[in-house]
Amino acid sequence: MDTLGALTLATDHLMDQSPVGR
């Protein structure tokens, strides 16, 4: 997996756990 893909997944995961959501 490339760095950009990993970063996108990490950001998406953080957004999922954030109380604000997306």
PDB file of N, CA and C in Angstrom:
ATOM      1  N   MET A   1       0.851  -1.212   0.000  1.00  0.00           N
ATOM      2  CA  MET A   1       0.000   0.000   0.000  1.00  0.00           C
ATOM      3  C   MET A   1       0.879   1.252   0.000  1.00  0.00           C
ATOM      4  N   ASP A   2       0.463   2.231  -0.781  1.00  0.00           N
ATOM      5  CA  ASP A   2       1.276   3.456  -0.860  1.00  0.00           C
ATOM      6  C   ASP A   2       1.007   4.358   0.346  1.00  0.00           C
ATOM      7  N   THR A   3       1.857   5.344   0.521  1.00  0.00           N
ATOM      8  CA  THR A   3       1.751   6.227   1.691  1.00  0.00           C
ATOM      9  C   THR A   3       0.440   7.015   1.677  1.00  0.00           C
ATOM     10  N   LEU A   4       0.055   7.509   0.507  1.00  0.00           N
ATOM     11  CA  LEU A   4      -1.170   8.303   0.417  1.00  0.00           C
ATOM     12  C   LEU A   4      -2.383   7.462   0.803  1.00  0.00           C
ATOM     13  N   GLY A   5      -2.398   6.223   0.352  1.00  0.00           N
ATOM     14  CA  GLY A   5      -3.523   5.338   0.683  1.00  0.00           C
ATOM     15  C   GLY A   5      -3.596   5.094   2.183  1.00  0.00           C
ATOM     16  N   ALA A   6      -2.423   4.863   2.797  1.00  0.00           N
ATOM     17  CA  ALA A   6      -2.385   4.617   4.239  1.00  0.00           C
ATOM     18  C   ALA A   6      -2.836   5.857   4.997  1.00  0.00           C
ATOM     19  N   LEU A   7      -2.413   7.016   4.539  1.00  0.00           N
ATOM     20  CA  LEU A   7      -2.791   8.263   5.201  1.00  0.00           C
ATOM     21  C   LEU A   7      -4.296   8.478   5.106  1.00  0.00           C
ATOM     22  N   THR A   8      -4.848   8.185   3.951  1.00  0.00           N
ATOM     23  CA  THR A   8      -6.290   8.348   3.764  1.00  0.00           C
ATOM     24  C   THR A   8      -7.060   7.425   4.691  1.00  0.00           C
ATOM     25  N   LEU A   9      -6.585   6.169   4.804  1.00  0.00           N
ATOM     26  CA  LEU A   9      -7.262   5.218   5.683  1.00  0.00           C
ATOM     27  C   LEU A   9      -7.166   5.670   7.134  1.00  0.00           C
ATOM     28  N   ALA A  10      -5.995   6.169   7.528  1.00  0.00           N
ATOM     29  CA  ALA A  10      -5.794   6.615   8.907  1.00  0.00           C
ATOM     30  C   ALA A  10      -6.710   7.795   9.217  1.00  0.00           C
ATOM     31  N   THR A  11      -6.799   8.740   8.290  1.00  0.00           N
ATOM     32  CA  THR A  11      -7.647   9.922   8.492  1.00  0.00           C
ATOM     33  C   THR A  11      -9.109   9.512   8.583  1.00  0.00           C
ATOM     34  N   ASP A  12      -9.505   8.590   7.701  1.00  0.00           N
ATOM     35  CA  ASP A  12     -10.887   8.124   7.701  1.00  0.00           C
ATOM     36  C   ASP A  12     -11.212   7.428   9.018  1.00  0.00           C
ATOM     37  N   HIS A  13     -10.254   6.677   9.541  1.00  0.00           N
ATOM     38  CA  HIS A  13     -10.460   5.977  10.807  1.00  0.00           C
ATOM     39  C   HIS A  13     -10.611   6.978  11.951  1.00  0.00           C
ATOM     40  N   LEU A  14      -9.790   8.028  11.920  1.00  0.00           N
ATOM     41  CA  LEU A  14      -9.864   9.046  12.977  1.00  0.00           C
ATOM     42  C   LEU A  14     -11.202   9.769  12.910  1.00  0.00           C
ATOM     43  N   MET A  15     -11.665  10.055  11.706  1.00  0.00           N
ATOM     44  CA  MET A  15     -12.944  10.743  11.534  1.00  0.00           C
ATOM     45  C   MET A  15     -14.075   9.874  12.076  1.00  0.00           C
ATOM     46  N   ASP A  16     -13.943   8.559  11.855  1.00  0.00           N
ATOM     47  CA  ASP A  16     -14.975   7.633  12.337  1.00  0.00           C
ATOM     48  C   ASP A  16     -15.065   7.651  13.862  1.00  0.00           C
ATOM     49  N   GLN A  17     -13.927   7.804  14.523  1.00  0.00           N
ATOM     50  CA  GLN A  17     -13.913   7.763  15.988  1.00  0.00           C
ATOM     51  C   GLN A  17     -14.160   9.143  16.602  1.00  0.00           C
ATOM     52  N   SER A  18     -14.111  10.178  15.777  1.00  0.00           N
ATOM     53  CA  SER A  18     -14.313  11.529  16.290  1.00  0.00           C
ATOM     54  C   SER A  18     -15.783  11.771  16.627  1.00  0.00           C
ATOM     55  N   PRO A  19     -16.065  12.449  17.722  1.00  0.00           N
ATOM     56  CA  PRO A  19     -17.453  12.744  18.103  1.00  0.00           C
ATOM     57  C   PRO A  19     -18.152  13.620  17.071  1.00  0.00           C
ATOM     58  N   VAL A  20     -17.367  14.364  16.305  1.00  0.00           N
ATOM     59  CA  VAL A  20     -17.942  15.235  15.289  1.00  0.00           C
ATOM     60  C   VAL A  20     -18.380  14.413  14.083  1.00  0.00           C
ATOM     61  N   GLY A  21     -17.742  13.273  13.875  1.00  0.00           N
ATOM     62  CA  GLY A  21     -18.069  12.446  12.729  1.00  0.00           C
ATOM     63  C   GLY A  21     -17.440  13.011  11.464  1.00  0.00           C
ATOM     64  N   ARG A  22     -18.175  12.965  10.347  1.00  0.00           N
ATOM     65  CA  ARG A  22     -17.594  13.479   9.094  1.00  0.00           C
ATOM     66  C   ARG A  22     -18.096  14.883   8.837  1.00  0.00           C
TER      67      ARG A  22
END
